Structures are given as structure tokens and as C-alpha cells.
């Protein structure tokens, strides 16, 4: 089964913020972050059930080389990315947002 990736607006904002921060640290690093994120999406699409549960509904996958986690769920033929979160941030922030409709 070929899954498509849907990135929620909140997650897109987090990605943009991370990209901009990395780019400010070193030219091109933001692009490397986006490439690592794309590779993470590919791993998720290949084996969506291989990653551990973060909540009853969501799973989490680690972005290689960067301290970010992708929280997602499979809905039909899509991987819906709920948030892309730095692993040092307070988890209550993403938890409140992602569990409000569970």
C-alpha cells in the first residue's frame, strides 16, 4: 500500500520554525533538516506500524541526525503528521494539542 503524507498546519509551522532556526545557525542546515524529515516520512510510509505508540492514536518516529520527533497517525491511505516536535520541549504542549479530540 502506498501512503501519502498530509502535514497538519500546526506541524508545518513547527517545521518552518525549525528550518529557519537551523538555517540561521549554518547556511544549508535547514535544508538538511528538511531532507532528514522527508527520509523519516519515507520510513513511516514503508512501515507505519513499526514505530512506538505515543498515545492510543498516535505513533512517533525520530528524525535522524536531528532532535525531532514526528507524531503521526494513519488514516485510510494517508499518514497524517500531527506535529513535529523538538525532543527537549515540554511534551505537555504536543500532548494537549493532539489528545484534545481523542
N, C-alpha and C. Protein backbone atom coordinates (compact mmCIF):
# COMPACT_ATOMS: atom_id res chain seq x y z
N UNK A 1 0.83 -1.17 0.00
CA UNK A 1 0.00 0.00 0.00
C UNK A 1 0.89 1.25 0.00
N UNK A 2 0.58 2.17 -0.87
CA UNK A 2 1.33 3.42 -0.95
C UNK A 2 0.57 4.50 -0.18
N UNK A 3 1.19 5.03 0.84
CA UNK A 3 0.56 6.04 1.67
C UNK A 3 1.03 7.43 1.26
N UNK A 4 0.14 8.39 1.36
CA UNK A 4 0.52 9.78 1.12
C UNK A 4 0.66 10.48 2.46
N UNK A 5 1.46 11.52 2.51
CA UNK A 5 1.72 12.24 3.74
C UNK A 5 0.93 13.55 3.72
N UNK A 6 0.18 13.76 4.79
CA UNK A 6 -0.54 15.02 4.99
C UNK A 6 0.04 15.66 6.25
N UNK A 7 0.52 16.88 6.11
CA UNK A 7 1.11 17.59 7.24
C UNK A 7 0.12 18.65 7.70
N UNK A 8 -0.34 18.52 8.95
CA UNK A 8 -1.28 19.50 9.51
C UNK A 8 -0.63 20.88 9.58
N UNK A 9 -1.42 21.95 9.53
CA UNK A 9 -0.86 23.31 9.56
C UNK A 9 0.02 23.58 10.78
N UNK A 10 -0.36 23.06 11.95
CA UNK A 10 0.45 23.27 13.15
C UNK A 10 1.83 22.63 12.99
N UNK A 11 1.86 21.45 12.40
CA UNK A 11 3.13 20.76 12.16
C UNK A 11 3.95 21.51 11.12
N UNK A 12 3.31 22.01 10.09
CA UNK A 12 4.03 22.78 9.06
C UNK A 12 4.69 24.00 9.69
N UNK A 13 3.99 24.67 10.62
CA UNK A 13 4.57 25.84 11.31
C UNK A 13 5.79 25.43 12.13
N UNK A 14 5.72 24.28 12.79
CA UNK A 14 6.86 23.78 13.58
C UNK A 14 8.05 23.47 12.67
N UNK A 15 7.77 22.90 11.52
CA UNK A 15 8.83 22.57 10.56
C UNK A 15 9.49 23.85 10.04
N UNK A 16 8.69 24.83 9.70
CA UNK A 16 9.22 26.10 9.22
C UNK A 16 10.08 26.77 10.28
N UNK A 17 9.62 26.75 11.52
CA UNK A 17 10.39 27.34 12.62
C UNK A 17 11.73 26.63 12.80
N UNK A 18 11.71 25.31 12.76
CA UNK A 18 12.96 24.54 12.91
C UNK A 18 13.88 24.80 11.73
N UNK A 19 13.34 24.77 10.53
CA UNK A 19 14.13 25.03 9.33
C UNK A 19 14.82 26.38 9.44
N UNK A 20 14.07 27.41 9.79
CA UNK A 20 14.62 28.76 9.88
C UNK A 20 15.70 28.84 10.96
N UNK A 21 15.48 28.18 12.08
CA UNK A 21 16.46 28.20 13.16
C UNK A 21 17.76 27.53 12.70
N UNK A 22 17.65 26.36 12.09
CA UNK A 22 18.85 25.67 11.62
C UNK A 22 19.56 26.47 10.53
N UNK A 23 18.80 27.09 9.66
CA UNK A 23 19.39 27.87 8.58
C UNK A 23 20.15 29.07 9.15
N UNK A 24 19.64 29.65 10.24
CA UNK A 24 20.32 30.78 10.89
C UNK A 24 21.62 30.34 11.56
N UNK A 25 21.68 29.06 11.95
CA UNK A 25 22.90 28.55 12.57
C UNK A 25 24.00 28.31 11.55
N UNK A 26 23.58 27.79 10.39
CA UNK A 26 24.54 27.49 9.32
C UNK A 26 23.79 27.38 8.00
N UNK A 27 24.25 28.08 7.01
CA UNK A 27 23.61 28.03 5.69
C UNK A 27 23.54 26.59 5.20
N UNK A 28 22.37 26.17 4.76
CA UNK A 28 22.18 24.82 4.24
C UNK A 28 21.71 23.82 5.27
N UNK A 29 21.85 24.13 6.55
CA UNK A 29 21.46 23.17 7.59
C UNK A 29 19.95 22.99 7.64
N UNK A 30 19.22 24.05 7.35
CA UNK A 30 17.76 23.94 7.29
C UNK A 30 17.31 22.96 6.22
N UNK A 31 18.02 22.99 5.09
CA UNK A 31 17.70 22.05 4.00
C UNK A 31 18.03 20.62 4.41
N UNK A 32 19.12 20.44 5.14
CA UNK A 32 19.46 19.10 5.63
C UNK A 32 18.38 18.60 6.59
N UNK A 33 17.85 19.49 7.41
CA UNK A 33 16.75 19.12 8.31
C UNK A 33 15.54 18.65 7.49
N UNK A 34 15.18 19.41 6.47
CA UNK A 34 14.03 19.04 5.63
C UNK A 34 14.26 17.70 4.92
N UNK A 35 15.50 17.45 4.48
CA UNK A 35 15.82 16.17 3.84
C UNK A 35 15.69 15.02 4.83
N UNK A 36 16.18 15.22 6.05
CA UNK A 36 16.06 14.19 7.08
C UNK A 36 14.60 13.95 7.44
N UNK A 37 13.82 15.00 7.43
CA UNK A 37 12.39 14.87 7.70
C UNK A 37 11.70 14.08 6.59
N UNK A 38 12.05 14.36 5.35
CA UNK A 38 11.49 13.61 4.22
C UNK A 38 11.86 12.13 4.31
N UNK A 39 13.09 11.83 4.69
CA UNK A 39 13.51 10.44 4.85
C UNK A 39 12.71 9.77 5.97
N UNK A 40 12.41 10.51 7.02
CA UNK A 40 11.60 9.98 8.11
C UNK A 40 10.19 9.65 7.60
N UNK A 41 9.62 10.55 6.81
CA UNK A 41 8.30 10.29 6.22
C UNK A 41 8.32 9.02 5.37
N UNK A 42 9.40 8.83 4.62
CA UNK A 42 9.51 7.63 3.78
C UNK A 42 9.53 6.37 4.63
N UNK A 43 10.30 6.40 5.74
CA UNK A 43 10.34 5.24 6.64
C UNK A 43 8.96 4.97 7.23
N UNK A 44 8.27 6.03 7.61
CA UNK A 44 6.92 5.87 8.17
C UNK A 44 6.00 5.24 7.14
N UNK A 45 6.04 5.75 5.90
CA UNK A 45 5.15 5.22 4.86
C UNK A 45 5.46 3.76 4.52
N UNK A 46 6.73 3.38 4.59
CA UNK A 46 7.11 2.00 4.30
C UNK A 46 6.66 1.05 5.40
N UNK A 47 6.74 1.49 6.67
CA UNK A 47 6.41 0.63 7.81
C UNK A 47 5.68 1.44 8.88
N UNK A 48 4.45 1.86 8.60
CA UNK A 48 3.76 2.76 9.53
C UNK A 48 3.51 2.18 10.92
N UNK A 49 3.41 0.86 11.03
CA UNK A 49 3.15 0.24 12.34
C UNK A 49 4.41 -0.12 13.10
N UNK A 50 5.57 0.19 12.53
CA UNK A 50 6.84 -0.22 13.16
C UNK A 50 7.28 0.72 14.28
N UNK A 51 6.67 1.87 14.39
CA UNK A 51 7.10 2.86 15.36
C UNK A 51 6.24 2.79 16.61
N UNK A 52 6.82 3.16 17.76
CA UNK A 52 6.08 3.02 19.02
C UNK A 52 4.93 4.01 19.15
N UNK A 53 3.96 3.60 19.93
CA UNK A 53 2.83 4.48 20.23
C UNK A 53 3.26 5.57 21.19
N UNK A 54 2.79 6.78 20.93
CA UNK A 54 2.99 7.90 21.85
C UNK A 54 1.72 8.11 22.66
N UNK A 55 0.58 7.85 22.03
CA UNK A 55 -0.74 7.87 22.67
C UNK A 55 -1.50 6.69 22.08
N UNK A 56 -2.75 6.54 22.48
CA UNK A 56 -3.55 5.46 21.89
C UNK A 56 -3.64 5.57 20.39
N UNK A 57 -3.71 6.79 19.91
CA UNK A 57 -3.97 7.06 18.50
C UNK A 57 -2.70 7.36 17.71
N UNK A 58 -1.71 7.98 18.33
CA UNK A 58 -0.54 8.46 17.61
C UNK A 58 0.69 7.60 17.83
N UNK A 59 1.52 7.55 16.80
CA UNK A 59 2.83 6.93 16.89
C UNK A 59 3.87 8.02 16.74
N UNK A 60 5.11 7.70 17.11
CA UNK A 60 6.19 8.68 16.97
C UNK A 60 7.39 8.05 16.30
N UNK A 61 8.01 8.85 15.46
CA UNK A 61 9.23 8.43 14.76
C UNK A 61 10.29 9.51 14.95
N UNK A 62 11.52 9.10 15.13
CA UNK A 62 12.62 10.04 15.34
C UNK A 62 13.21 10.44 13.99
N UNK A 63 13.49 11.73 13.86
CA UNK A 63 14.16 12.25 12.67
C UNK A 63 15.66 12.02 12.86
N UNK A 64 16.28 11.32 11.95
CA UNK A 64 17.71 11.02 12.07
C UNK A 64 18.54 12.28 11.99
N UNK A 65 19.60 12.35 12.85
CA UNK A 65 20.56 13.45 12.89
C UNK A 65 20.03 14.73 13.51
N UNK A 66 18.74 14.80 13.82
CA UNK A 66 18.17 16.00 14.41
C UNK A 66 17.31 15.57 15.60
N UNK A 67 17.24 16.40 16.64
CA UNK A 67 16.49 16.01 17.84
C UNK A 67 15.00 16.30 17.73
N UNK A 68 14.39 15.77 16.69
CA UNK A 68 12.96 15.99 16.46
C UNK A 68 12.23 14.66 16.35
N UNK A 69 10.98 14.71 16.78
CA UNK A 69 10.09 13.56 16.69
C UNK A 69 8.90 13.93 15.80
N UNK A 70 8.45 12.97 15.00
CA UNK A 70 7.27 13.14 14.17
C UNK A 70 6.15 12.34 14.81
N UNK A 71 5.07 13.00 15.16
CA UNK A 71 3.90 12.34 15.73
C UNK A 71 2.85 12.24 14.63
N UNK A 72 2.40 11.03 14.37
CA UNK A 72 1.53 10.79 13.22
C UNK A 72 0.49 9.72 13.53
N UNK A 73 -0.49 9.67 12.65
CA UNK A 73 -1.46 8.57 12.67
C UNK A 73 -1.76 8.19 11.23
N UNK A 74 -2.15 6.97 11.03
CA UNK A 74 -2.55 6.50 9.71
C UNK A 74 -4.06 6.58 9.64
N UNK A 75 -4.53 7.32 8.65
CA UNK A 75 -5.96 7.49 8.43
C UNK A 75 -6.24 7.10 6.98
N UNK A 76 -6.88 5.96 6.80
CA UNK A 76 -7.13 5.47 5.45
C UNK A 76 -5.83 5.21 4.73
N UNK A 77 -5.64 5.88 3.59
CA UNK A 77 -4.41 5.70 2.82
C UNK A 77 -3.43 6.85 3.03
N UNK A 78 -3.54 7.52 4.18
CA UNK A 78 -2.69 8.68 4.46
C UNK A 78 -1.99 8.57 5.81
N UNK A 79 -0.81 9.14 5.86
CA UNK A 79 -0.11 9.37 7.12
C UNK A 79 -0.36 10.83 7.44
N UNK A 80 -1.04 11.08 8.55
CA UNK A 80 -1.34 12.45 8.95
C UNK A 80 -0.35 12.86 10.03
N UNK A 81 0.51 13.82 9.70
CA UNK A 81 1.51 14.32 10.65
C UNK A 81 0.85 15.38 11.51
N UNK A 82 0.70 15.04 12.79
CA UNK A 82 0.04 15.95 13.73
C UNK A 82 1.00 17.01 14.26
N UNK A 83 2.24 16.61 14.53
CA UNK A 83 3.23 17.59 14.98
C UNK A 83 4.64 17.06 14.74
N UNK A 84 5.56 18.01 14.64
CA UNK A 84 6.99 17.72 14.52
C UNK A 84 7.62 18.51 15.66
N UNK A 85 8.13 17.79 16.63
CA UNK A 85 8.41 18.38 17.93
C UNK A 85 9.84 18.12 18.38
N UNK A 86 10.52 19.16 18.86
CA UNK A 86 11.86 19.00 19.40
C UNK A 86 11.77 18.11 20.65
N UNK A 87 12.65 17.14 20.76
CA UNK A 87 12.51 16.16 21.85
C UNK A 87 12.85 16.70 23.23
N UNK A 88 13.34 17.94 23.31
CA UNK A 88 13.65 18.54 24.61
C UNK A 88 12.53 19.46 25.11
N UNK A 89 11.55 19.72 24.25
CA UNK A 89 10.45 20.58 24.67
C UNK A 89 9.52 19.84 25.60
N UNK A 90 8.76 20.59 26.35
CA UNK A 90 7.79 20.02 27.28
C UNK A 90 6.74 19.22 26.50
N UNK A 91 6.62 17.93 26.75
CA UNK A 91 5.68 17.10 26.00
C UNK A 91 4.22 17.47 26.24
N UNK A 92 3.94 18.18 27.31
CA UNK A 92 2.55 18.59 27.56
C UNK A 92 2.00 19.45 26.43
N UNK A 93 2.88 20.20 25.76
CA UNK A 93 2.44 21.08 24.68
C UNK A 93 1.85 20.26 23.53
N UNK A 94 2.60 19.28 23.02
CA UNK A 94 2.05 18.48 21.92
C UNK A 94 0.95 17.56 22.40
N UNK A 95 1.05 17.09 23.63
CA UNK A 95 0.05 16.17 24.15
C UNK A 95 -1.32 16.84 24.24
N UNK A 96 -1.36 18.07 24.72
CA UNK A 96 -2.64 18.80 24.80
C UNK A 96 -3.24 18.97 23.41
N UNK A 97 -2.40 19.33 22.47
CA UNK A 97 -2.90 19.59 21.12
C UNK A 97 -3.40 18.32 20.45
N UNK A 98 -2.69 17.23 20.62
CA UNK A 98 -3.03 16.01 19.87
C UNK A 98 -4.08 15.15 20.56
N UNK A 99 -4.29 15.33 21.84
CA UNK A 99 -5.27 14.50 22.53
C UNK A 99 -6.60 15.19 22.73
N UNK A 100 -6.73 16.43 22.30
CA UNK A 100 -7.98 17.15 22.53
C UNK A 100 -9.18 16.52 21.82
N UNK A 101 -8.92 15.79 20.72
CA UNK A 101 -10.05 15.14 20.04
C UNK A 101 -10.00 13.62 20.12
N UNK A 102 -9.27 13.09 21.09
CA UNK A 102 -9.26 11.62 21.27
C UNK A 102 -10.46 11.20 22.07
